[in-house]
C-alpha cells in the first residue's frame, strides 16, 4: 500500500518549488500548496460527473461528508460538468498531485484506458462508483461500487407485467438517461427484453432526457406532440419524471393513480417518493447514491493490506404508489 512519508513530501515540495521558479508548470504552485496541507491524511481525489440530478448531488454530499479532515482524509473534488475530457484531466491532475486514491464516477463506460493506466503506473488505486466502465485491462481499477441497473429495470418490467397482464395494445413512451451510461444501458435493456416477450407491448416513442428535469420536460413535450394516447412513461430517473410531470400538467393530461398515463421512474429520491406518495409516479425503483461510506470501507481494506471485492452491488428496493407510506418517504436520506 502506498503511504506518504515526511521525507517524500519534502522532496516533492522542493521539486515543485523548482518547477514554479523556472515557470515550467503553471499548476506547480497550486499542487505544492495542496500537498503541503495533506500531511498525515489519506488523500482522495474524486472526479464527479456533474450535478445534473438530485441523485448526483446526494452522491457528492455523501462523499464530502465521508472524506473529511476529522475522519483522517483530505478530499480533492472535481466537477466534470458532464464532460469526459474534464474528468480525464482531473484524473491526471490527481496523479500529478500524488493522491493516495482516485474515486471516479464516470460519465460513460468507454474511453478510460489511457488515463487509468497512468494511474496504475503511478501506483494509485482507482475506485469506480455508480456507472461501470469497460477497460482492456480489469487491473486498471481496483473496485467498482454501484447498482445493478439491469436488475433495477427488470424490477420495473416485472411490475408492468403484473399490472398490465390483461392489457391489449400497451403503448409505451421511453425516456432514456444519458446515452452510454450504465444506468441507461441496463434500464433500457430490461425494457427491451420485456417488450420482446410481451407481444401486446409497443414502444411508440423513445428519446434521451440526459437525466435532467429541464431536458425531461422538453422531451415529454415532444412526445405529447406526436402521441396523445400514451399508456406508460418508462422514465429512467426521477428528475426527468419531474420534467415530464410539468409537461403533462401544462398539457392538462391526466396521469397517475387518478387515471391516465402511468409513470414508472428510477432513483427513489425523497422528492421522487413524494411524487409516488401523491400517486403521480406509480412505481419508483430505488438507486441508492450514498456511496461515501462504501468507498471508505474499500479504502480501509486497502490500508490494512486486504484485497477488496472487485464488484460491489448495492441492495435496493422499489416503491409502489398503492402501498408506499409517509414513514418511508420521511425516512429517505436523499
Protein backbone atom coordinates (compact mmCIF):
# COMPACT_ATOMS: atom_id res chain seq x y z
CA UNK A 1 0.00 0.00 0.00
CA UNK A 2 1.26 3.46 -0.86
CA UNK A 3 1.93 5.67 2.13
CA UNK A 4 3.34 9.15 2.09
CA UNK A 5 6.23 9.93 4.38
CA UNK A 6 7.50 13.29 5.52
CA UNK A 7 10.68 12.74 3.53
CA UNK A 8 8.80 12.15 0.28
CA UNK A 9 6.60 15.16 0.97
CA UNK A 10 9.67 17.33 1.44
CA UNK A 11 11.34 16.11 -1.75
CA UNK A 12 8.10 16.55 -3.68
CA UNK A 13 7.65 20.12 -2.45
CA UNK A 14 11.24 21.02 -3.29
CA UNK A 15 10.81 19.69 -6.83
CA UNK A 16 7.61 21.64 -7.26
CA UNK A 17 9.24 24.79 -5.95
CA UNK A 18 11.96 24.45 -8.57
CA UNK A 19 9.35 23.98 -11.28
CA UNK A 20 7.50 27.10 -10.21
CA UNK A 21 10.75 29.11 -10.19
CA UNK A 22 11.61 28.29 -13.79
CA UNK A 23 7.99 28.75 -14.93
CA UNK A 24 7.75 25.28 -16.49
CA UNK A 25 4.42 24.44 -14.86
CA UNK A 26 1.60 26.90 -14.19
CA UNK A 27 -0.08 24.50 -11.73
CA UNK A 28 3.08 23.75 -9.77
CA UNK A 29 2.44 26.30 -7.05
CA UNK A 30 -1.14 25.12 -6.56
CA UNK A 31 -0.09 21.48 -6.37
CA UNK A 32 2.66 22.31 -3.87
CA UNK A 33 0.16 24.18 -1.72
CA UNK A 34 -2.23 21.22 -1.80
CA UNK A 35 0.50 18.72 -0.96
CA UNK A 36 1.65 20.86 1.96
CA UNK A 37 -1.79 20.61 3.52
CA UNK A 38 -2.12 16.83 3.40
CA UNK A 39 0.50 15.61 5.92
CA UNK A 40 -0.84 12.73 7.97
CA UNK A 41 -4.08 12.48 5.99
CA UNK A 42 -5.25 9.92 3.43
CA UNK A 43 -5.62 11.91 0.22
CA UNK A 44 -8.59 11.11 -2.02
CA UNK A 45 -9.26 12.63 -5.43
CA UNK A 46 -12.90 12.39 -6.52
CA UNK A 47 -13.95 13.04 -10.12
CA UNK A 48 -17.72 13.54 -10.24
CA UNK A 49 -19.80 13.60 -13.44
CA UNK A 50 -21.57 16.80 -12.53
CA UNK A 51 -24.66 17.97 -10.65
CA UNK A 52 -27.38 17.11 -13.15
CA UNK A 53 -29.83 15.48 -10.74
CA UNK A 54 -30.93 15.11 -7.13
CA UNK A 55 -29.26 11.68 -7.16
CA UNK A 56 -25.92 13.14 -8.28
CA UNK A 57 -25.98 15.91 -5.68
CA UNK A 58 -26.74 13.36 -2.95
CA UNK A 59 -23.84 11.24 -4.18
CA UNK A 60 -21.47 14.21 -3.97
CA UNK A 61 -22.74 15.11 -0.49
CA UNK A 62 -22.13 11.55 0.69
CA UNK A 63 -18.51 11.73 -0.48
CA UNK A 64 -17.91 15.15 1.08
CA UNK A 65 -19.40 14.07 4.41
CA UNK A 66 -17.31 10.89 4.47
CA UNK A 67 -13.87 12.14 3.45
CA UNK A 68 -13.31 14.88 6.00
CA UNK A 69 -10.23 16.04 7.87
CA UNK A 70 -11.85 14.97 11.14
CA UNK A 71 -12.02 11.41 9.81
CA UNK A 72 -8.42 11.46 8.59
CA UNK A 73 -8.86 12.41 4.95
CA UNK A 74 -8.08 15.19 2.51
CA UNK A 75 -10.58 15.29 -0.35
CA UNK A 76 -9.83 16.88 -3.71
CA UNK A 77 -13.15 17.24 -5.54
CA UNK A 78 -13.65 17.88 -9.26
CA UNK A 79 -16.96 18.53 -11.03
CA UNK A 80 -16.66 17.17 -14.57
CA UNK A 81 -19.62 19.25 -15.79
CA UNK A 82 -20.88 16.35 -17.90
CA UNK A 83 -17.69 16.17 -19.99
CA UNK A 84 -15.40 13.15 -20.11
CA UNK A 85 -12.47 15.32 -21.12
CA UNK A 86 -12.83 17.24 -17.86
CA UNK A 87 -12.85 14.02 -15.88
CA UNK A 88 -9.77 12.69 -17.63
CA UNK A 89 -7.97 15.97 -16.95
CA UNK A 90 -8.97 15.68 -13.30
CA UNK A 91 -7.58 12.13 -13.07
CA UNK A 92 -4.27 13.31 -14.49
CA UNK A 93 -4.19 16.22 -12.08
CA UNK A 94 -4.82 13.82 -9.19
CA UNK A 95 -1.88 11.73 -10.41
CA UNK A 96 0.37 14.80 -10.53
CA UNK A 97 -0.84 15.77 -7.06
CA UNK A 98 0.11 12.28 -5.85
CA UNK A 99 -3.17 11.45 -4.17
CA UNK A 100 -3.44 8.13 -2.35
CA UNK A 101 -6.69 7.07 -4.03
CA UNK A 102 -8.73 8.14 -7.03
CA UNK A 103 -12.52 7.78 -6.98
CA UNK A 104 -14.22 8.04 -10.37
CA UNK A 105 -17.93 8.45 -11.11
CA UNK A 106 -17.66 8.06 -14.91
CA UNK A 107 -19.93 9.81 -17.37
CA UNK A 108 -19.87 6.80 -19.71
CA UNK A 109 -18.47 3.28 -19.87
CA UNK A 110 -15.89 3.75 -22.63
CA UNK A 111 -12.72 5.78 -23.08
CA UNK A 112 -10.86 5.50 -19.75
CA UNK A 113 -7.99 3.13 -20.52
CA UNK A 114 -5.22 5.66 -21.11
CA UNK A 115 -5.88 7.76 -18.01
CA UNK A 116 -6.45 4.76 -15.74
CA UNK A 117 -3.27 3.08 -17.00
CA UNK A 118 -1.41 6.21 -15.98
CA UNK A 119 -2.93 5.94 -12.51
CA UNK A 120 -1.96 2.27 -12.26
CA UNK A 121 1.58 3.04 -13.41
CA UNK A 122 1.73 5.68 -10.67
CA UNK A 123 0.61 3.10 -8.11
CA UNK A 124 -2.66 4.86 -7.29
CA UNK A 125 -5.70 2.58 -6.76
CA UNK A 126 -8.83 3.68 -8.63
CA UNK A 127 -12.28 3.01 -7.17
CA UNK A 128 -15.16 3.40 -9.64
CA UNK A 129 -18.61 4.32 -8.34
CA UNK A 130 -22.09 4.32 -9.85
CA UNK A 131 -21.63 3.74 -13.59
CA UNK A 132 -19.48 0.85 -14.73
CA UNK A 133 -16.52 1.20 -17.08
CA UNK A 134 -15.19 -1.10 -19.76
CA UNK A 135 -11.41 -1.44 -19.94
CA UNK A 136 -8.91 -3.52 -21.88
CA UNK A 137 -7.35 -4.47 -18.55
CA UNK A 138 -9.51 -5.07 -15.44
CA UNK A 139 -6.47 -4.24 -13.29
CA UNK A 140 -6.83 -0.59 -14.31
CA UNK A 141 -9.35 -0.18 -11.48
CA UNK A 142 -9.35 -1.74 -8.02
CA UNK A 143 -13.07 -1.96 -7.26
CA UNK A 144 -16.44 -0.87 -8.57
CA UNK A 145 -19.40 0.04 -6.32
CA UNK A 146 -22.87 0.66 -7.66
CA UNK A 147 -26.31 -0.56 -8.58
CA UNK A 148 -27.34 -3.48 -10.74
CA UNK A 149 -29.06 -1.30 -13.33
CA UNK A 150 -30.23 -4.25 -15.37
CA UNK A 151 -31.86 -5.69 -12.25
CA UNK A 152 -33.48 -2.31 -11.50
CA UNK A 153 -35.03 -2.29 -14.94
CA UNK A 154 -36.14 -5.89 -14.50
CA UNK A 155 -37.93 -4.92 -11.28
CA UNK A 156 -39.86 -2.21 -13.13
CA UNK A 157 -40.71 -4.52 -16.02
CA UNK A 158 -41.93 -7.26 -13.65
CA UNK A 159 -44.27 -4.70 -12.04
CA UNK A 160 -45.54 -3.72 -15.50
CA UNK A 161 -46.18 -7.36 -16.40
CA UNK A 162 -48.26 -7.82 -13.28
CA UNK A 163 -50.20 -4.57 -13.65
CA UNK A 164 -50.85 -4.86 -17.38
CA UNK A 165 -51.13 -8.65 -17.74
CA UNK A 166 -54.55 -8.41 -19.41
CA UNK A 167 -53.94 -5.15 -21.26
CA UNK A 168 -54.11 -5.13 -25.05
CA UNK A 169 -52.02 -2.81 -27.22
CA UNK A 170 -49.98 -1.18 -24.44
CA UNK A 171 -48.28 1.95 -25.80
CA UNK A 172 -45.05 2.90 -24.02
CA UNK A 173 -43.04 6.13 -24.17
CA UNK A 174 -39.42 5.54 -23.17
CA UNK A 175 -37.38 8.44 -21.77
CA UNK A 176 -33.76 7.35 -21.57
CA UNK A 177 -30.97 8.78 -19.43
CA UNK A 178 -27.56 9.93 -20.67
CA UNK A 179 -26.72 7.67 -23.59
CA UNK A 180 -23.87 5.25 -22.97
CA UNK A 181 -24.13 5.45 -19.18
CA UNK A 182 -24.52 2.18 -17.29
CA UNK A 183 -27.90 3.21 -15.86
CA UNK A 184 -29.24 3.98 -19.33
CA UNK A 185 -27.87 0.77 -20.79
CA UNK A 186 -29.18 -1.52 -18.04
CA UNK A 187 -32.62 0.03 -17.73
CA UNK A 188 -33.05 0.19 -21.50
CA UNK A 189 -32.03 -3.45 -21.97
CA UNK A 190 -34.56 -4.54 -19.35
CA UNK A 191 -37.40 -2.72 -21.08
CA UNK A 192 -36.42 -4.04 -24.49
CA UNK A 193 -36.41 -7.59 -23.14
CA UNK A 194 -39.83 -7.01 -21.58
CA UNK A 195 -41.22 -5.73 -24.86
CA UNK A 196 -39.78 -8.71 -26.72
CA UNK A 197 -41.66 -11.21 -24.53
CA UNK A 198 -44.91 -9.24 -24.26
CA UNK A 199 -46.45 -9.11 -27.71
CA UNK A 200 -49.07 -6.54 -26.67
CA UNK A 201 -46.41 -4.02 -25.65
CA UNK A 202 -45.01 -1.45 -28.06
CA UNK A 203 -42.54 1.38 -27.53
CA UNK A 204 -44.09 4.11 -29.67
CA UNK A 205 -41.51 6.82 -28.96
CA UNK A 206 -38.06 6.98 -27.38
CA UNK A 207 -35.54 9.75 -26.68
CA UNK A 208 -32.93 10.79 -24.12
CA UNK A 209 -33.60 13.38 -21.44
CA UNK A 210 -29.99 13.25 -20.15
CA UNK A 211 -31.20 12.62 -16.59
CA UNK A 212 -32.19 16.30 -16.17
CA UNK A 213 -35.52 17.88 -15.33
CA UNK A 214 -35.26 20.58 -17.99
CA UNK A 215 -34.49 18.12 -20.75
CA UNK A 216 -37.13 15.72 -19.42
CA UNK A 217 -39.78 18.41 -19.84
CA UNK A 218 -38.61 19.19 -23.37
CA UNK A 219 -38.63 15.54 -24.39
CA UNK A 220 -42.06 14.93 -22.88
CA UNK A 221 -43.48 17.93 -24.71
CA UNK A 222 -42.18 16.42 -27.93
CA UNK A 223 -43.62 13.01 -27.05
CA UNK A 224 -47.03 14.55 -26.45
CA UNK A 225 -46.93 16.49 -29.70
CA UNK A 226 -46.61 13.16 -31.54
CA UNK A 227 -48.68 10.82 -29.32
CA UNK A 228 -51.58 11.83 -27.08
CA UNK A 229 -52.66 8.30 -26.19
CA UNK A 230 -49.55 7.01 -24.39
CA UNK A 231 -50.33 4.44 -21.68
CA UNK A 232 -46.98 4.23 -19.88
CA UNK A 233 -43.99 6.52 -19.46
CA UNK A 234 -40.91 4.46 -18.62
CA UNK A 235 -38.63 7.21 -17.34
CA UNK A 236 -35.07 6.35 -16.39
CA UNK A 237 -34.74 8.74 -13.44
CA UNK A 238 -36.75 10.95 -11.08
CA UNK A 239 -35.61 14.33 -12.38
CA UNK A 240 -36.72 13.53 -15.92
CA UNK A 241 -40.02 12.31 -14.45
CA UNK A 242 -40.44 15.68 -12.69
CA UNK A 243 -39.96 17.43 -16.03
CA UNK A 244 -42.42 15.08 -17.70
CA UNK A 245 -44.98 15.79 -14.99
CA UNK A 246 -44.57 19.52 -15.62
CA UNK A 247 -45.19 18.97 -19.32
CA UNK A 248 -48.30 16.86 -18.65
CA UNK A 249 -49.65 19.42 -16.19
CA UNK A 250 -49.26 22.16 -18.79
CA UNK A 251 -50.92 19.96 -21.40
CA UNK A 252 -53.68 19.10 -18.90
CA UNK A 253 -53.09 15.43 -19.50
CA UNK A 254 -54.25 13.02 -16.75
CA UNK A 255 -51.67 10.74 -15.15
CA UNK A 256 -51.07 8.70 -12.02
CA UNK A 257 -53.37 6.75 -9.76
CA UNK A 258 -56.27 9.04 -10.57
CA UNK A 259 -56.28 7.71 -14.10
CA UNK A 260 -54.49 8.33 -17.35
CA UNK A 261 -50.83 7.81 -18.14
CA UNK A 262 -48.83 5.57 -15.77
CA UNK A 263 -45.35 6.84 -14.83
CA UNK A 264 -42.53 4.49 -13.88
CA UNK A 265 -39.35 6.08 -12.55
CA UNK A 266 -35.96 5.23 -11.04
CA UNK A 267 -33.80 6.57 -8.17
CA UNK A 268 -36.48 6.87 -5.45
CA UNK A 269 -35.08 10.15 -4.18
CA UNK A 270 -37.07 11.79 -1.42
CA UNK A 271 -38.65 14.16 -3.95
CA UNK A 272 -39.40 11.16 -6.15
CA UNK A 273 -41.04 9.34 -3.26
CA UNK A 274 -43.13 12.42 -2.51
CA UNK A 275 -44.46 12.17 -6.07
CA UNK A 276 -45.01 8.44 -5.55
CA UNK A 277 -46.86 9.04 -2.29
CA UNK A 278 -49.02 11.60 -4.09
CA UNK A 279 -49.87 8.96 -6.70
CA UNK A 280 -48.21 10.83 -9.57
CA UNK A 281 -45.41 8.30 -10.05
CA UNK A 282 -46.96 4.83 -9.98
CA UNK A 283 -43.78 2.83 -9.39
CA UNK A 284 -40.31 4.02 -8.35
CA UNK A 285 -37.23 1.77 -8.25
CA UNK A 286 -34.50 2.66 -5.79
CA UNK A 287 -30.98 3.57 -6.91
CA UNK A 288 -29.01 4.41 -3.78
CA UNK A 289 -26.39 7.20 -4.16
CA UNK A 290 -24.85 7.11 -0.67
CA UNK A 291 -21.54 5.58 -1.75
CA UNK A 292 -19.20 7.57 0.51
CA UNK A 293 -19.13 5.05 3.39
CA UNK A 294 -18.92 2.18 0.89
CA UNK A 295 -15.85 3.71 -0.74
CA UNK A 296 -14.32 4.34 2.68
CA UNK A 297 -14.71 0.66 3.59
CA UNK A 298 -12.72 -0.29 0.49
CA UNK A 299 -10.03 2.28 1.27
CA UNK A 300 -9.73 0.96 4.81
CA UNK A 301 -9.39 -2.58 3.49
CA UNK A 302 -6.59 -1.43 1.21
CA UNK A 303 -4.93 0.47 4.07
CA UNK A 304 -4.93 -2.79 6.03
CA UNK A 305 -3.39 -4.68 3.14
CA UNK A 306 -6.56 -6.59 2.37
CA UNK A 307 -7.99 -7.27 -1.09
CA UNK A 308 -11.49 -5.81 -1.52
CA UNK A 309 -14.16 -7.30 -3.75
CA UNK A 310 -13.80 -6.30 -7.38
CA UNK A 311 -17.55 -5.73 -7.83
CA UNK A 312 -19.83 -4.49 -5.03
CA UNK A 313 -23.57 -4.26 -5.72
CA UNK A 314 -25.85 -2.18 -3.53
CA UNK A 315 -29.01 -3.77 -2.08
CA UNK A 316 -32.05 -1.83 -3.25
CA UNK A 317 -35.85 -1.92 -3.19
CA UNK A 318 -38.82 -0.37 -5.02
CA UNK A 319 -41.92 1.60 -4.08
CA UNK A 320 -45.48 1.19 -5.35
CA UNK A 321 -47.79 4.22 -5.11
CA UNK A 322 -50.57 1.89 -3.96
CA UNK A 323 -48.64 0.77 -0.87
CA UNK A 324 -45.98 3.41 -0.05
CA UNK A 325 -46.23 5.04 3.38
CA UNK A 326 -45.43 8.53 4.68
CA UNK A 327 -42.89 6.95 7.03
CA UNK A 328 -40.96 5.52 4.06
CA UNK A 329 -40.88 8.91 2.39
CA UNK A 330 -39.84 10.82 5.52
CA UNK A 331 -37.05 8.37 6.29
CA UNK A 332 -35.39 8.88 2.92
CA UNK A 333 -31.97 10.47 3.44
CA UNK A 334 -31.56 11.90 -0.07
